Amino acid sequence: MKLVSYLSRRDKLAALLLVLFTLVADGCGFQPRGQVSGAGGIRGPVLIVGIGPYADLYRELKRQLTVAGVELARSAADSASVLVIDRWTRDSRVLSVDSRNKAVEYELEESVQFALRSRDGQNIMQPQTERILRIQYIPPTSVLGSTRESELLRDDMLRDLVTRIIRRLAAAG
């Protein structure tokens, strides 16, 4: 109780504002980017098939499903549902060139076709396609940073793609 009496009026006001902000942010549904909530509709444990366990898409699916509270299965016998990845593509196209005919803008694409089935092969969710497009501008003077920037943009696109997949799965389940 003595600690409260030593705090200045400004410190008390700042603490009160911090508590109010936290309550408002939590009440409005705010969540950190890349976190999926409300995946309770997905029947777990889920088995992911169609891509290898070391693929970027598999690792991101595994991470986000685990964070959402969905258990992953190691085999078909242990699973309640199966997430089938039919096709996953990464592509880039040149959008524009500069006066020296060097590419300066690229369109990056991440696309996946997936379906959710029960363990016995019944479709829970028909095959669907999710697609993310981003435009990357590479100034002609920037040579060193463009590769790393492209990798970061691809990682961000993959997180967004998986978030969309999980939301669709939760809605279907």
Protein backbone atom coordinates (compact mmCIF):
# COMPACT_ATOMS: atom_id res chain seq x y z
CA MET A 1 0.00 0.00 0.00
CA LYS A 2 2.93 2.34 0.67
CA LEU A 3 4.08 1.89 -2.94
CA VAL A 4 0.84 3.44 -4.21
CA SER A 5 1.33 6.52 -2.03
CA TYR A 6 4.83 7.04 -3.47
CA LEU A 7 3.65 7.03 -7.07
CA SER A 8 3.08 10.43 -8.57
CA ARG A 9 -0.26 11.39 -10.02
CA ARG A 10 1.20 11.13 -13.53
CA ASP A 11 2.45 7.57 -12.88
CA LYS A 12 -0.98 6.53 -11.58
CA LEU A 13 -2.64 8.00 -14.67
CA ALA A 14 -0.16 6.24 -16.97
CA ALA A 15 -0.80 2.90 -15.23
CA LEU A 16 -4.57 3.40 -15.49
CA LEU A 17 -4.30 4.24 -19.20
CA LEU A 18 -2.16 1.15 -19.80
CA VAL A 19 -4.75 -1.09 -18.10
CA LEU A 20 -7.59 0.54 -20.07
CA PHE A 21 -5.72 0.17 -23.37
CA THR A 22 -5.05 -3.50 -22.65
CA LEU A 23 -8.72 -4.15 -21.89
CA VAL A 24 -9.90 -2.31 -25.01
CA ALA A 25 -7.38 -4.05 -27.28
CA ASP A 26 -8.36 -7.45 -25.89
CA GLY A 27 -12.07 -6.69 -26.13
CA CYS A 28 -11.98 -5.58 -29.76
CA GLY A 29 -10.41 -8.84 -30.93
CA PHE A 30 -6.90 -7.50 -31.51
CA GLN A 31 -4.28 -10.20 -31.92
CA PRO A 32 -0.67 -10.16 -33.08
CA ARG A 33 -0.11 -10.65 -36.76
CA GLY A 34 0.31 -14.28 -37.79
CA GLN A 35 -1.74 -15.60 -34.88
CA VAL A 36 -4.95 -17.43 -35.71
CA SER A 37 -7.66 -17.76 -33.12
CA GLY A 38 -10.98 -19.46 -33.38
CA ALA A 39 -9.66 -22.61 -35.05
CA GLY A 40 -11.90 -24.66 -32.79
CA GLY A 41 -13.93 -25.85 -35.78
CA ILE A 42 -11.08 -27.99 -37.04
CA ARG A 43 -11.45 -31.62 -36.02
CA GLY A 44 -8.14 -32.72 -34.61
CA PRO A 45 -5.78 -34.41 -34.69
CA VAL A 46 -5.03 -33.30 -38.25
CA LEU A 47 -2.69 -35.07 -40.64
CA ILE A 48 -1.05 -32.92 -43.34
CA VAL A 49 -0.33 -34.76 -46.60
CA GLY A 50 0.81 -33.75 -50.07
CA ILE A 51 3.96 -31.87 -49.05
CA GLY A 52 7.10 -32.94 -47.25
CA PRO A 53 7.70 -32.18 -43.58
CA TYR A 54 10.67 -29.95 -44.44
CA ALA A 55 8.77 -27.71 -46.87
CA ASP A 56 8.24 -24.11 -45.77
CA LEU A 57 4.47 -24.47 -46.17
CA TYR A 58 4.37 -27.59 -43.98
CA ARG A 59 6.42 -25.95 -41.23
CA GLU A 60 4.25 -22.82 -41.24
CA LEU A 61 1.03 -24.90 -41.23
CA LYS A 62 2.37 -26.94 -38.33
CA ARG A 63 3.38 -23.80 -36.40
CA GLN A 64 0.08 -21.97 -36.85
CA LEU A 65 -2.10 -25.02 -36.21
CA THR A 66 -0.20 -25.72 -33.00
CA VAL A 67 -0.57 -22.10 -31.87
CA ALA A 68 -4.31 -22.32 -32.65
CA GLY A 69 -4.58 -25.36 -30.37
CA VAL A 70 -5.04 -28.00 -33.07
CA GLU A 71 -3.23 -31.27 -32.45
CA LEU A 72 -1.26 -32.75 -35.36
CA ALA A 73 -1.31 -36.46 -36.17
CA ARG A 74 1.74 -38.48 -37.16
CA SER A 75 -0.17 -41.12 -39.13
CA ALA A 76 -3.53 -41.63 -40.81
CA ALA A 77 -4.60 -44.02 -38.05
CA ASP A 78 -4.10 -41.29 -35.42
CA SER A 79 -5.95 -38.57 -37.33
CA ALA A 80 -9.54 -37.37 -37.25
CA SER A 81 -9.13 -35.30 -40.42
CA VAL A 82 -6.62 -35.00 -43.23
CA LEU A 83 -5.49 -31.73 -44.78
CA VAL A 84 -4.57 -32.57 -48.36
CA ILE A 85 -2.28 -30.14 -50.18
CA ASP A 86 -2.86 -30.85 -53.86
CA ARG A 87 -0.70 -28.11 -55.36
CA TRP A 88 1.60 -25.44 -53.94
CA THR A 89 3.25 -22.98 -56.30
CA ARG A 90 5.60 -20.05 -55.93
CA ASP A 91 5.97 -17.80 -58.93
CA SER A 92 7.33 -14.42 -59.96
CA ARG A 93 6.75 -12.36 -63.07
CA VAL A 94 8.36 -9.19 -64.34
CA LEU A 95 5.89 -6.32 -64.21
CA SER A 96 7.97 -3.42 -65.46
CA VAL A 97 11.42 -2.56 -66.75
CA ASP A 98 13.44 0.65 -66.62
CA SER A 99 14.96 2.64 -69.51
CA ARG A 100 17.92 0.22 -69.67
CA ASN A 101 15.57 -2.74 -70.04
CA LYS A 102 16.29 -4.05 -66.52
CA ALA A 103 13.44 -5.45 -64.46
CA VAL A 104 12.49 -3.15 -61.58
CA GLU A 105 9.09 -4.51 -60.54
CA TYR A 106 8.10 -8.10 -59.93
CA GLU A 107 4.78 -9.69 -59.07
CA LEU A 108 5.29 -12.46 -56.51
CA GLU A 109 2.67 -15.17 -56.12
CA GLU A 110 2.07 -17.89 -53.54
CA SER A 111 -0.76 -20.26 -54.35
CA VAL A 112 -2.06 -23.46 -52.80
CA GLN A 113 -4.89 -25.86 -53.59
CA PHE A 114 -6.10 -27.81 -50.57
CA ALA A 115 -8.97 -29.90 -49.26
CA LEU A 116 -10.02 -31.26 -45.89
CA ARG A 117 -11.12 -34.87 -45.64
CA SER A 118 -12.15 -37.16 -42.85
CA ARG A 119 -9.96 -40.12 -42.00
CA ASP A 120 -12.13 -42.42 -44.13
CA GLY A 121 -11.82 -40.17 -47.23
CA GLN A 122 -15.11 -38.23 -47.06
CA ASN A 123 -14.80 -34.59 -48.12
CA ILE A 124 -15.31 -32.21 -45.20
CA MET A 125 -14.32 -29.30 -47.43
CA GLN A 126 -14.16 -29.45 -51.22
CA PRO A 127 -10.83 -28.57 -52.89
CA GLN A 128 -10.21 -24.83 -52.74
CA THR A 129 -7.49 -22.51 -53.94
CA GLU A 130 -5.97 -19.69 -51.95
CA ARG A 131 -3.67 -17.16 -53.62
CA ILE A 132 -1.54 -14.26 -52.41
CA LEU A 133 -0.03 -11.64 -54.73
CA ARG A 134 2.51 -8.97 -53.81
CA ILE A 135 4.47 -6.48 -55.87
CA GLN A 136 8.15 -6.01 -55.19
CA TYR A 137 9.93 -2.91 -56.43
CA ILE A 138 13.70 -3.22 -56.83
CA PRO A 139 15.40 0.10 -57.51
CA PRO A 140 18.19 -0.14 -60.11
CA THR A 141 20.73 1.12 -57.56
CA SER A 142 19.83 -1.53 -54.97
CA VAL A 143 21.62 -4.79 -55.64
CA LEU A 144 22.51 -6.25 -52.25
CA GLY A 145 19.24 -5.80 -50.36
CA SER A 146 16.88 -7.06 -53.03
CA THR A 147 17.45 -10.78 -52.40
CA ARG A 148 16.92 -10.50 -48.65
CA GLU A 149 13.88 -8.26 -49.18
CA SER A 150 12.42 -10.83 -51.53
CA GLU A 151 12.94 -13.59 -48.94
CA LEU A 152 11.24 -11.53 -46.23
CA LEU A 153 8.34 -10.74 -48.53
CA ARG A 154 7.96 -14.43 -49.40
CA ASP A 155 7.97 -15.36 -45.70
CA ASP A 156 5.27 -12.77 -45.02
CA MET A 157 3.20 -14.04 -47.95
CA LEU A 158 3.48 -17.63 -46.69
CA ARG A 159 2.28 -16.61 -43.20
CA ASP A 160 -0.70 -14.80 -44.74
CA LEU A 161 -1.48 -17.79 -46.97
CA VAL A 162 -1.47 -20.24 -44.05
CA THR A 163 -3.61 -17.88 -41.95
CA ARG A 164 -6.21 -17.83 -44.73
CA ILE A 165 -6.11 -21.63 -45.03
CA ILE A 166 -6.67 -22.11 -41.31
CA ARG A 167 -9.57 -19.66 -41.28
CA ARG A 168 -11.24 -21.57 -44.11
CA LEU A 169 -10.65 -24.89 -42.34
CA ALA A 170 -12.13 -23.53 -39.11
CA ALA A 171 -15.19 -22.25 -40.96
CA ALA A 172 -15.71 -25.59 -42.72
CA GLY A 173 -15.28 -27.74 -39.64
